[in-house]
Amino acid sequence: MEETDAIEICNKAISVNPFNVLEYKKRGTLKADIGNYIEAIKDYSKAIEIYPKDAGLFFSRGTIKVNIEDIQGAKEDFKTAAILNLSAIDE
């Protein structure tokens, strides 16, 4: 299946449930895969807005930010991911 078809499936799932973190994450990954980094960051940001305790979301968004040379933004996301991972260990 091509990325654009998969993105359309994610769009439909999000239209049914706009709080579906997994679909935003999948769609963000698909958009990053085709080089649409700005839109990918928007999807990861929406997923983070819905579920801000997921370190993986911050790490993935940081990785995408590296691709657009937003090094400061990437550092902030990586730092947040690390903090979340450490706090998960303490729980």
N, C-alpha and C. Protein backbone atom coordinates (compact mmCIF):
# COMPACT_ATOMS: atom_id res chain seq x y z
N MET A 1 0.84 -1.18 0.00
CA MET A 1 0.00 0.00 0.00
C MET A 1 0.88 1.24 0.00
N GLU A 2 0.54 2.17 -0.82
CA GLU A 2 1.32 3.40 -0.88
C GLU A 2 1.02 4.29 0.33
N GLU A 3 1.99 5.15 0.63
CA GLU A 3 1.83 6.04 1.78
C GLU A 3 0.57 6.90 1.67
N THR A 4 0.27 7.38 0.46
CA THR A 4 -0.90 8.26 0.33
C THR A 4 -2.19 7.51 0.64
N ASP A 5 -2.28 6.23 0.26
CA ASP A 5 -3.45 5.44 0.61
C ASP A 5 -3.54 5.23 2.12
N ALA A 6 -2.41 4.96 2.72
CA ALA A 6 -2.37 4.76 4.17
C ALA A 6 -2.72 6.05 4.91
N ILE A 7 -2.25 7.18 4.39
CA ILE A 7 -2.60 8.47 5.00
C ILE A 7 -4.10 8.69 4.94
N GLU A 8 -4.71 8.33 3.83
CA GLU A 8 -6.17 8.49 3.69
C GLU A 8 -6.91 7.62 4.70
N ILE A 9 -6.42 6.43 4.95
CA ILE A 9 -7.03 5.56 5.96
C ILE A 9 -6.92 6.20 7.34
N CYS A 10 -5.76 6.78 7.64
CA CYS A 10 -5.58 7.49 8.91
C CYS A 10 -6.53 8.68 9.00
N ASN A 11 -6.68 9.41 7.90
CA ASN A 11 -7.59 10.56 7.89
C ASN A 11 -9.00 10.13 8.26
N LYS A 12 -9.45 9.01 7.70
CA LYS A 12 -10.80 8.51 7.99
C LYS A 12 -10.93 8.11 9.46
N ALA A 13 -9.91 7.43 9.97
CA ALA A 13 -9.95 7.02 11.38
C ALA A 13 -9.98 8.24 12.31
N ILE A 14 -9.21 9.27 11.97
CA ILE A 14 -9.18 10.49 12.78
C ILE A 14 -10.52 11.22 12.71
N SER A 15 -11.17 11.17 11.54
CA SER A 15 -12.47 11.84 11.42
C SER A 15 -13.52 11.16 12.30
N VAL A 16 -13.37 9.86 12.51
CA VAL A 16 -14.28 9.12 13.37
C VAL A 16 -13.96 9.39 14.84
N ASN A 17 -12.67 9.41 15.16
CA ASN A 17 -12.23 9.65 16.54
C ASN A 17 -11.05 10.61 16.54
N PRO A 18 -11.32 11.90 16.70
CA PRO A 18 -10.23 12.89 16.64
C PRO A 18 -9.27 12.85 17.84
N PHE A 19 -9.47 11.92 18.75
CA PHE A 19 -8.57 11.79 19.90
C PHE A 19 -7.74 10.50 19.83
N ASN A 20 -7.65 9.94 18.64
CA ASN A 20 -6.94 8.68 18.44
C ASN A 20 -5.45 8.95 18.24
N VAL A 21 -4.71 8.87 19.31
CA VAL A 21 -3.28 9.17 19.30
C VAL A 21 -2.53 8.29 18.31
N LEU A 22 -2.87 7.03 18.27
CA LEU A 22 -2.17 6.10 17.39
C LEU A 22 -2.29 6.49 15.92
N GLU A 23 -3.46 6.96 15.51
CA GLU A 23 -3.65 7.35 14.11
C GLU A 23 -2.86 8.61 13.77
N TYR A 24 -2.78 9.57 14.70
CA TYR A 24 -1.94 10.75 14.45
C TYR A 24 -0.48 10.34 14.34
N LYS A 25 -0.07 9.40 15.19
CA LYS A 25 1.31 8.92 15.16
C LYS A 25 1.60 8.23 13.83
N LYS A 26 0.70 7.33 13.42
CA LYS A 26 0.89 6.63 12.14
C LYS A 26 0.93 7.61 10.98
N ARG A 27 -0.02 8.55 10.97
CA ARG A 27 -0.07 9.52 9.87
C ARG A 27 1.17 10.40 9.86
N GLY A 28 1.64 10.79 11.04
CA GLY A 28 2.86 11.58 11.11
C GLY A 28 4.06 10.83 10.56
N THR A 29 4.16 9.57 10.89
CA THR A 29 5.26 8.74 10.37
C THR A 29 5.17 8.61 8.86
N LEU A 30 3.99 8.37 8.35
CA LEU A 30 3.80 8.26 6.90
C LEU A 30 4.18 9.56 6.19
N LYS A 31 3.77 10.68 6.75
CA LYS A 31 4.10 11.97 6.15
C LYS A 31 5.61 12.22 6.18
N ALA A 32 6.24 11.85 7.28
CA ALA A 32 7.71 11.99 7.35
C ALA A 32 8.38 11.11 6.31
N ASP A 33 7.86 9.91 6.11
CA ASP A 33 8.43 8.99 5.13
C ASP A 33 8.43 9.54 3.72
N ILE A 34 7.45 10.40 3.42
CA ILE A 34 7.39 10.99 2.07
C ILE A 34 8.00 12.39 2.04
N GLY A 35 8.63 12.78 3.15
CA GLY A 35 9.33 14.06 3.19
C GLY A 35 8.48 15.26 3.55
N ASN A 36 7.26 15.03 3.99
CA ASN A 36 6.38 16.13 4.39
C ASN A 36 6.56 16.35 5.90
N TYR A 37 7.73 16.89 6.24
CA TYR A 37 8.13 17.01 7.64
C TYR A 37 7.28 17.97 8.45
N ILE A 38 6.90 19.09 7.86
CA ILE A 38 6.10 20.08 8.61
C ILE A 38 4.77 19.48 9.01
N GLU A 39 4.11 18.79 8.09
CA GLU A 39 2.82 18.16 8.40
C GLU A 39 3.01 17.01 9.38
N ALA A 40 4.12 16.30 9.27
CA ALA A 40 4.41 15.21 10.21
C ALA A 40 4.55 15.77 11.62
N ILE A 41 5.25 16.87 11.75
CA ILE A 41 5.42 17.51 13.06
C ILE A 41 4.07 17.93 13.62
N LYS A 42 3.20 18.44 12.77
CA LYS A 42 1.84 18.83 13.23
C LYS A 42 1.09 17.62 13.79
N ASP A 43 1.19 16.48 13.10
CA ASP A 43 0.51 15.28 13.58
C ASP A 43 1.09 14.81 14.91
N TYR A 44 2.40 14.80 15.03
CA TYR A 44 3.01 14.41 16.30
C TYR A 44 2.66 15.41 17.41
N SER A 45 2.59 16.68 17.07
CA SER A 45 2.22 17.69 18.07
C SER A 45 0.79 17.47 18.55
N LYS A 46 -0.10 17.11 17.64
CA LYS A 46 -1.49 16.83 18.03
C LYS A 46 -1.54 15.59 18.93
N ALA A 47 -0.78 14.56 18.58
CA ALA A 47 -0.73 13.36 19.41
C ALA A 47 -0.21 13.69 20.81
N ILE A 48 0.80 14.55 20.87
CA ILE A 48 1.36 14.97 22.16
C ILE A 48 0.35 15.79 22.95
N GLU A 49 -0.40 16.62 22.26
CA GLU A 49 -1.44 17.41 22.92
C GLU A 49 -2.46 16.48 23.60
N ILE A 50 -2.79 15.39 22.93
CA ILE A 50 -3.77 14.44 23.46
C ILE A 50 -3.16 13.58 24.57
N TYR A 51 -1.92 13.15 24.37
CA TYR A 51 -1.27 12.26 25.35
C TYR A 51 0.17 12.70 25.59
N PRO A 52 0.35 13.69 26.45
CA PRO A 52 1.69 14.28 26.65
C PRO A 52 2.66 13.44 27.48
N LYS A 53 2.26 12.25 27.92
CA LYS A 53 3.15 11.42 28.73
C LYS A 53 3.88 10.37 27.92
N ASP A 54 3.74 10.39 26.60
CA ASP A 54 4.36 9.38 25.74
C ASP A 54 5.72 9.87 25.26
N ALA A 55 6.78 9.33 25.86
CA ALA A 55 8.14 9.74 25.51
C ALA A 55 8.44 9.46 24.04
N GLY A 56 7.90 8.37 23.51
CA GLY A 56 8.15 8.01 22.11
C GLY A 56 7.66 9.06 21.13
N LEU A 57 6.56 9.71 21.46
CA LEU A 57 6.04 10.77 20.60
C LEU A 57 7.02 11.94 20.54
N PHE A 58 7.56 12.31 21.68
CA PHE A 58 8.53 13.41 21.71
C PHE A 58 9.80 13.03 20.97
N PHE A 59 10.26 11.78 21.16
CA PHE A 59 11.47 11.34 20.48
C PHE A 59 11.28 11.34 18.96
N SER A 60 10.14 10.83 18.51
CA SER A 60 9.88 10.79 17.06
C SER A 60 9.77 12.20 16.48
N ARG A 61 9.08 13.08 17.20
CA ARG A 61 8.97 14.46 16.71
C ARG A 61 10.34 15.12 16.67
N GLY A 62 11.16 14.86 17.67
CA GLY A 62 12.52 15.41 17.68
C GLY A 62 13.32 14.92 16.49
N THR A 63 13.18 13.66 16.16
CA THR A 63 13.89 13.09 15.01
C THR A 63 13.47 13.79 13.72
N ILE A 64 12.20 14.05 13.59
CA ILE A 64 11.70 14.75 12.40
C ILE A 64 12.23 16.18 12.37
N LYS A 65 12.29 16.82 13.53
CA LYS A 65 12.80 18.19 13.59
C LYS A 65 14.26 18.26 13.14
N VAL A 66 15.03 17.22 13.40
CA VAL A 66 16.41 17.19 12.92
C VAL A 66 16.43 17.29 11.39
N ASN A 67 15.47 16.63 10.75
CA ASN A 67 15.42 16.65 9.28
C ASN A 67 15.17 18.04 8.70
N ILE A 68 14.52 18.90 9.48
CA ILE A 68 14.30 20.27 8.99
C ILE A 68 15.29 21.25 9.62
N GLU A 69 16.29 20.68 10.28
CA GLU A 69 17.37 21.44 10.91
C GLU A 69 16.90 22.34 12.04
N ASP A 70 15.81 21.93 12.72
CA ASP A 70 15.37 22.62 13.92
C ASP A 70 16.05 21.93 15.10
N ILE A 71 17.33 22.21 15.23
CA ILE A 71 18.15 21.52 16.23
C ILE A 71 17.70 21.86 17.65
N GLN A 72 17.40 23.12 17.90
CA GLN A 72 16.95 23.50 19.24
C GLN A 72 15.64 22.81 19.59
N GLY A 73 14.70 22.78 18.65
CA GLY A 73 13.43 22.09 18.88
C GLY A 73 13.63 20.60 19.10
N ALA A 74 14.54 20.02 18.35
CA ALA A 74 14.85 18.60 18.51
C ALA A 74 15.44 18.33 19.89
N LYS A 75 16.36 19.19 20.33
CA LYS A 75 16.97 19.03 21.66
C LYS A 75 15.90 19.06 22.75
N GLU A 76 14.97 20.00 22.62
CA GLU A 76 13.90 20.12 23.62
C GLU A 76 13.03 18.86 23.65
N ASP A 77 12.70 18.34 22.46
CA ASP A 77 11.90 17.12 22.41
C ASP A 77 12.66 15.93 22.97
N PHE A 78 13.95 15.80 22.63
CA PHE A 78 14.75 14.69 23.16
C PHE A 78 14.88 14.78 24.68
N LYS A 79 15.04 16.00 25.18
CA LYS A 79 15.14 16.20 26.63
C LYS A 79 13.83 15.79 27.31
N THR A 80 12.71 16.21 26.75
CA THR A 80 11.41 15.83 27.32
C THR A 80 11.23 14.32 27.28
N ALA A 81 11.62 13.69 26.17
CA ALA A 81 11.52 12.23 26.07
C ALA A 81 12.34 11.56 27.16
N ALA A 82 13.55 12.06 27.38
CA ALA A 82 14.41 11.48 28.42
C ALA A 82 13.80 11.64 29.80
N ILE A 83 13.27 12.81 30.09
CA ILE A 83 12.64 13.06 31.39
C ILE A 83 11.44 12.13 31.59
N LEU A 84 10.62 11.99 30.56
CA LEU A 84 9.48 11.10 30.66
C LEU A 84 9.90 9.65 30.87
N ASN A 85 10.96 9.25 30.18
CA ASN A 85 11.45 7.87 30.36
C ASN A 85 11.97 7.66 31.78
N LEU A 86 12.68 8.64 32.31
CA LEU A 86 13.19 8.52 33.67
C LEU A 86 12.06 8.49 34.69
N SER A 87 11.05 9.32 34.48
CA SER A 87 9.94 9.33 35.43
C SER A 87 9.14 8.03 35.36
N ALA A 88 9.11 7.39 34.20
CA ALA A 88 8.43 6.10 34.06
C ALA A 88 9.16 5.02 34.85
N ILE A 89 10.48 5.14 34.92
CA ILE A 89 11.28 4.17 35.67
C ILE A 89 11.00 4.30 37.16
N ASP A 90 10.79 5.54 37.62
CA ASP A 90 10.57 5.80 39.04
C ASP A 90 9.17 5.34 39.50
N GLU A 91 8.26 5.18 38.57
CA GLU A 91 6.88 4.84 38.96
C GLU A 91 6.73 3.42 39.41
